[in-house]
Amino acid sequence: MSQATKRKHVVKEVLGEHMVPSDEQQIVRVLRTPGNNLHEVETAQGQRFLVSMPSKYRKNIWIKRGDFLIVDPIEEGEKVKAEISFVLCKDHVRSLQKEGLWPEAFSEVAEKHNNNRNRQTQPELPAEPQSSGEESSSEDDSDLFVNTNRRQYHESEEESEEEEAA
């Protein structure tokens, strides 16, 4: 199987499937990523340990601080005590909360985490009222992304009037 096909199937599995943790599995929150496909997590009871990422998720699914995971315990591990079995997105978290399977200790954390993500993905709209008729909405560039890595070239009004007259 090619890398692109593998990535497609892994992403489809993570985004589409609804996962309910079994008796041995537990829901944890990612605290930090020390590296080498290891993540430090915290359980609902406050216990901290390392979990490993299986090879099928490596370079396909990205996990960052504050994400929630379902992990399988590993008996023989001293430092690494579990392996990631599923990465929970915000839709999975909501469905687990509705079913009553979500740990109470993570309820406030999940709400704050989702609110922060919503603020980052939704840009704030300008509070300026639209003028009637003179300017169209296509001329208002205040809500466009500004690339700070490029020089800003400003066109003077005199130059633009000369170009229009010619």
C-alpha atoms as a PDB file:
ATOM      1  CA  MET A   1       0.000   0.000   0.000  1.00  0.00           C
ATOM      2  CA  SER A   2       1.385   3.406  -0.927  1.00  0.00           C
ATOM      3  CA  GLN A   3       1.928   6.117   1.667  1.00  0.00           C
ATOM      4  CA  ALA A   4      -0.892   8.268   0.233  1.00  0.00           C
ATOM      5  CA  THR A   5      -3.372   5.383   0.340  1.00  0.00           C
ATOM      6  CA  LYS A   6      -2.350   4.517   3.889  1.00  0.00           C
ATOM      7  CA  ARG A   7      -2.771   8.143   4.965  1.00  0.00           C
ATOM      8  CA  LYS A   8      -6.213   8.303   3.350  1.00  0.00           C
ATOM      9  CA  HIS A   9      -7.444   5.220   5.205  1.00  0.00           C
ATOM     10  CA  VAL A  10      -5.987   6.268   8.572  1.00  0.00           C
ATOM     11  CA  VAL A  11      -7.492   9.770   8.365  1.00  0.00           C
ATOM     12  CA  LYS A  12     -10.847   8.344   7.272  1.00  0.00           C
ATOM     13  CA  GLU A  13     -10.792   5.922  10.222  1.00  0.00           C
ATOM     14  CA  VAL A  14      -9.964   8.643  12.756  1.00  0.00           C
ATOM     15  CA  LEU A  15     -12.437  11.238  11.496  1.00  0.00           C
ATOM     16  CA  GLY A  16     -15.346   8.983  10.659  1.00  0.00           C
ATOM     17  CA  GLU A  17     -15.429   6.253  13.262  1.00  0.00           C
ATOM     18  CA  HIS A  18     -17.171   6.673  16.624  1.00  0.00           C
ATOM     19  CA  MET A  19     -15.122   5.034  19.361  1.00  0.00           C
ATOM     20  CA  VAL A  20     -16.360   4.018  22.810  1.00  0.00           C
ATOM     21  CA  PRO A  21     -13.644   3.043  25.309  1.00  0.00           C
ATOM     22  CA  SER A  22     -13.728  -0.546  26.572  1.00  0.00           C
ATOM     23  CA  ASP A  23     -13.210  -1.545  30.217  1.00  0.00           C
ATOM     24  CA  GLU A  24      -9.403  -1.644  29.926  1.00  0.00           C
ATOM     25  CA  GLN A  25      -9.094   1.509  27.841  1.00  0.00           C
ATOM     26  CA  GLN A  26      -9.135   4.973  29.334  1.00  0.00           C
ATOM     27  CA  ILE A  27      -9.519   8.556  28.164  1.00  0.00           C
ATOM     28  CA  VAL A  28      -6.466  10.760  28.749  1.00  0.00           C
ATOM     29  CA  ARG A  29      -5.383  14.332  27.966  1.00  0.00           C
ATOM     30  CA  VAL A  30      -2.040  15.157  26.306  1.00  0.00           C
ATOM     31  CA  LEU A  31       0.205  17.346  28.470  1.00  0.00           C
ATOM     32  CA  ARG A  32       3.365  17.490  26.359  1.00  0.00           C
ATOM     33  CA  THR A  33       5.301  15.693  23.653  1.00  0.00           C
ATOM     34  CA  PRO A  34       8.876  14.871  24.695  1.00  0.00           C
ATOM     35  CA  GLY A  35       9.632  13.354  21.275  1.00  0.00           C
ATOM     36  CA  ASN A  36      10.354   9.987  19.678  1.00  0.00           C
ATOM     37  CA  ASN A  37       6.592   9.386  19.191  1.00  0.00           C
ATOM     38  CA  LEU A  38       6.008   9.544  22.946  1.00  0.00           C
ATOM     39  CA  HIS A  39       3.405  11.746  24.633  1.00  0.00           C
ATOM     40  CA  GLU A  40       3.030  12.583  28.306  1.00  0.00           C
ATOM     41  CA  VAL A  41      -0.622  12.270  29.309  1.00  0.00           C
ATOM     42  CA  GLU A  42      -2.792  12.713  32.382  1.00  0.00           C
ATOM     43  CA  THR A  43      -5.757  10.570  33.371  1.00  0.00           C
ATOM     44  CA  ALA A  44      -8.966  11.878  34.924  1.00  0.00           C
ATOM     45  CA  GLN A  45      -7.596  10.800  38.333  1.00  0.00           C
ATOM     46  CA  GLY A  46      -4.459  12.940  37.857  1.00  0.00           C
ATOM     47  CA  GLN A  47      -2.000  10.101  37.156  1.00  0.00           C
ATOM     48  CA  ARG A  48       0.732  11.071  34.649  1.00  0.00           C
ATOM     49  CA  PHE A  49       2.634   8.685  32.373  1.00  0.00           C
ATOM     50  CA  LEU A  50       4.012   8.275  28.853  1.00  0.00           C
ATOM     51  CA  VAL A  51       2.120   6.724  25.943  1.00  0.00           C
ATOM     52  CA  SER A  52       3.531   5.584  22.607  1.00  0.00           C
ATOM     53  CA  MET A  53       2.085   6.321  19.200  1.00  0.00           C
ATOM     54  CA  PRO A  54       1.583   3.246  16.981  1.00  0.00           C
ATOM     55  CA  SER A  55       3.308   3.259  13.608  1.00  0.00           C
ATOM     56  CA  LYS A  56       0.050   3.572  11.641  1.00  0.00           C
ATOM     57  CA  TYR A  57      -0.537   7.061  13.097  1.00  0.00           C
ATOM     58  CA  ARG A  58       3.036   8.319  12.693  1.00  0.00           C
ATOM     59  CA  LYS A  59       3.366  11.098  10.090  1.00  0.00           C
ATOM     60  CA  ASN A  60      -0.377  10.781   9.396  1.00  0.00           C
ATOM     61  CA  ILE A  61      -2.137  12.094  12.509  1.00  0.00           C
ATOM     62  CA  TRP A  62      -0.760  15.008  14.509  1.00  0.00           C
ATOM     63  CA  ILE A  63      -1.322  15.237  18.249  1.00  0.00           C
ATOM     64  CA  LYS A  64      -0.773  18.434  20.198  1.00  0.00           C
ATOM     65  CA  ARG A  65      -0.981  19.558  23.808  1.00  0.00           C
ATOM     66  CA  GLY A  66      -4.553  19.492  25.134  1.00  0.00           C
ATOM     67  CA  ASP A  67      -5.869  16.815  22.756  1.00  0.00           C
ATOM     68  CA  PHE A  68      -7.756  13.831  24.145  1.00  0.00           C
ATOM     69  CA  LEU A  69      -6.876  10.201  23.414  1.00  0.00           C
ATOM     70  CA  ILE A  70      -8.133   6.708  24.124  1.00  0.00           C
ATOM     71  CA  VAL A  71      -5.238   4.495  25.222  1.00  0.00           C
ATOM     72  CA  ASP A  72      -4.681   0.761  25.760  1.00  0.00           C
ATOM     73  CA  PRO A  73      -2.573  -0.180  28.814  1.00  0.00           C
ATOM     74  CA  ILE A  74       0.759  -1.997  28.404  1.00  0.00           C
ATOM     75  CA  GLU A  75       1.678  -4.315  31.289  1.00  0.00           C
ATOM     76  CA  GLU A  76       5.415  -4.617  30.659  1.00  0.00           C
ATOM     77  CA  GLY A  77       6.158  -0.882  30.477  1.00  0.00           C
ATOM     78  CA  GLU A  78       7.881   0.988  33.299  1.00  0.00           C
ATOM     79  CA  LYS A  79       7.843   4.503  31.856  1.00  0.00           C
ATOM     80  CA  VAL A  80       5.642   3.932  28.816  1.00  0.00           C
ATOM     81  CA  LYS A  81       2.464   2.517  30.301  1.00  0.00           C
ATOM     82  CA  ALA A  82       0.031   2.681  27.364  1.00  0.00           C
ATOM     83  CA  GLU A  83      -0.341   2.854  23.595  1.00  0.00           C
ATOM     84  CA  ILE A  84      -2.614   5.240  21.699  1.00  0.00           C
ATOM     85  CA  SER A  85      -5.572   3.415  20.200  1.00  0.00           C
ATOM     86  CA  PHE A  86      -7.701   6.373  19.100  1.00  0.00           C
ATOM     87  CA  VAL A  87      -7.402  10.165  18.783  1.00  0.00           C
ATOM     88  CA  LEU A  88     -10.562  11.990  19.865  1.00  0.00           C
ATOM     89  CA  CYS A  89     -11.673  15.049  17.906  1.00  0.00           C
ATOM     90  CA  LYS A  90     -14.229  17.552  19.242  1.00  0.00           C
ATOM     91  CA  ASP A  91     -17.173  15.681  17.656  1.00  0.00           C
ATOM     92  CA  HIS A  92     -16.144  12.476  19.432  1.00  0.00           C
ATOM     93  CA  VAL A  93     -15.827  14.376  22.725  1.00  0.00           C
ATOM     94  CA  ARG A  94     -19.348  15.803  22.349  1.00  0.00           C
ATOM     95  CA  SER A  95     -20.861  12.399  21.604  1.00  0.00           C
ATOM     96  CA  LEU A  96     -19.078  10.813  24.592  1.00  0.00           C
ATOM     97  CA  GLN A  97     -20.376  13.634  26.819  1.00  0.00           C
ATOM     98  CA  LYS A  98     -23.947  13.035  25.597  1.00  0.00           C
ATOM     99  CA  GLU A  99     -23.642   9.304  26.315  1.00  0.00           C
ATOM    100  CA  GLY A 100     -22.307   9.986  29.813  1.00  0.00           C
ATOM    101  CA  LEU A 101     -18.980   8.223  29.181  1.00  0.00           C
ATOM    102  CA  TRP A 102     -16.872  11.374  29.503  1.00  0.00           C
ATOM    103  CA  PRO A 103     -14.858  11.745  32.765  1.00  0.00           C
ATOM    104  CA  GLU A 104     -16.075  14.626  34.963  1.00  0.00           C
ATOM    105  CA  ALA A 105     -12.508  15.830  35.550  1.00  0.00           C
ATOM    106  CA  PHE A 106     -12.130  16.605  31.834  1.00  0.00           C
ATOM    107  CA  SER A 107     -15.513  18.324  31.325  1.00  0.00           C
ATOM    108  CA  GLU A 108     -14.298  21.866  31.999  1.00  0.00           C
ATOM    109  CA  VAL A 109     -11.028  21.283  30.155  1.00  0.00           C
ATOM    110  CA  ALA A 110     -12.849  20.002  27.048  1.00  0.00           C
ATOM    111  CA  GLU A 111     -15.177  23.020  26.971  1.00  0.00           C
ATOM    112  CA  LYS A 112     -12.276  25.481  27.275  1.00  0.00           C
ATOM    113  CA  HIS A 113     -10.295  23.564  24.641  1.00  0.00           C
ATOM    114  CA  ASN A 114     -13.197  23.656  22.150  1.00  0.00           C
ATOM    115  CA  ASN A 115     -13.872  27.353  22.814  1.00  0.00           C
ATOM    116  CA  ASN A 116     -10.214  28.233  22.204  1.00  0.00           C
ATOM    117  CA  ARG A 117     -10.196  26.311  18.925  1.00  0.00           C
ATOM    118  CA  ASN A 118     -13.401  28.045  17.799  1.00  0.00           C
ATOM    119  CA  ARG A 119     -11.862  31.456  18.522  1.00  0.00           C
ATOM    120  CA  GLN A 120      -8.767  30.560  16.520  1.00  0.00           C
ATOM    121  CA  THR A 121     -10.671  29.259  13.493  1.00  0.00           C
ATOM    122  CA  GLN A 122     -13.287  32.031  13.339  1.00  0.00           C
ATOM    123  CA  PRO A 123     -11.797  35.470  12.624  1.00  0.00           C
ATOM    124  CA  GLU A 124     -13.363  38.392  14.422  1.00  0.00           C
ATOM    125  CA  LEU A 125     -15.510  40.550  12.187  1.00  0.00           C
ATOM    126  CA  PRO A 126     -14.863  44.301  12.142  1.00  0.00           C
ATOM    127  CA  ALA A 127     -17.364  46.354  14.126  1.00  0.00           C
ATOM    128  CA  GLU A 128     -17.450  49.169  11.545  1.00  0.00           C
ATOM    129  CA  PRO A 129     -20.834  49.815   9.940  1.00  0.00           C
ATOM    130  CA  GLN A 130     -21.020  49.522   6.161  1.00  0.00           C
ATOM    131  CA  SER A 131     -21.473  52.792   4.290  1.00  0.00           C
ATOM    132  CA  SER A 132     -24.534  52.961   2.089  1.00  0.00           C
ATOM    133  CA  GLY A 133     -23.807  52.571  -1.588  1.00  0.00           C
ATOM    134  CA  GLU A 134     -20.380  54.180  -2.082  1.00  0.00           C
ATOM    135  CA  GLU A 135     -18.237  51.169  -1.151  1.00  0.00           C
ATOM    136  CA  SER A 136     -19.017  47.614  -2.105  1.00  0.00           C
ATOM    137  CA  SER A 137     -18.126  44.659   0.107  1.00  0.00           C
ATOM    138  CA  SER A 138     -15.482  43.519  -2.391  1.00  0.00           C
ATOM    139  CA  GLU A 139     -13.473  46.729  -1.843  1.00  0.00           C
ATOM    140  CA  ASP A 140     -13.278  46.223   1.928  1.00  0.00           C
ATOM    141  CA  ASP A 141     -10.017  44.325   2.466  1.00  0.00           C
ATOM    142  CA  SER A 142      -9.873  44.659   6.261  1.00  0.00           C
ATOM    143  CA  ASP A 143     -10.842  41.009   6.818  1.00  0.00           C
ATOM    144  CA  LEU A 144      -8.216  39.555   4.455  1.00  0.00           C
ATOM    145  CA  PHE A 145      -5.165  37.662   5.716  1.00  0.00           C
ATOM    146  CA  VAL A 146      -2.072  39.850   5.890  1.00  0.00           C
ATOM    147  CA  ASN A 147       1.231  38.144   5.141  1.00  0.00           C
ATOM    148  CA  THR A 148       3.787  39.737   7.447  1.00  0.00           C
ATOM    149  CA  ASN A 149       6.694  38.055   5.650  1.00  0.00           C
ATOM    150  CA  ARG A 150       6.377  40.309   2.601  1.00  0.00           C
ATOM    151  CA  ARG A 151       7.031  43.988   2.133  1.00  0.00           C
ATOM    152  CA  GLN A 152       3.960  46.162   2.023  1.00  0.00           C
ATOM    153  CA  TYR A 153       3.698  48.289  -1.125  1.00  0.00           C
ATOM    154  CA  HIS A 154       1.352  51.221  -0.798  1.00  0.00           C
ATOM    155  CA  GLU A 155      -0.102  52.895  -3.838  1.00  0.00           C
ATOM    156  CA  SER A 156      -0.561  56.643  -3.579  1.00  0.00           C
ATOM    157  CA  GLU A 157      -3.848  58.217  -4.675  1.00  0.00           C
ATOM    158  CA  GLU A 158      -2.093  60.554  -7.114  1.00  0.00           C
ATOM    159  CA  GLU A 159      -0.503  57.651  -9.023  1.00  0.00           C
ATOM    160  CA  SER A 160      -3.776  55.764  -9.272  1.00  0.00           C
ATOM    161  CA  GLU A 161      -5.615  58.877 -10.561  1.00  0.00           C
ATOM    162  CA  GLU A 162      -2.928  59.403 -13.223  1.00  0.00           C
ATOM    163  CA  GLU A 163      -3.251  55.777 -14.366  1.00  0.00           C
ATOM    164  CA  GLU A 164      -7.044  56.063 -14.623  1.00  0.00           C
ATOM    165  CA  ALA A 165      -6.824  59.281 -16.649  1.00  0.00           C
ATOM    166  CA  ALA A 166      -4.403  57.779 -19.182  1.00  0.00           C
END
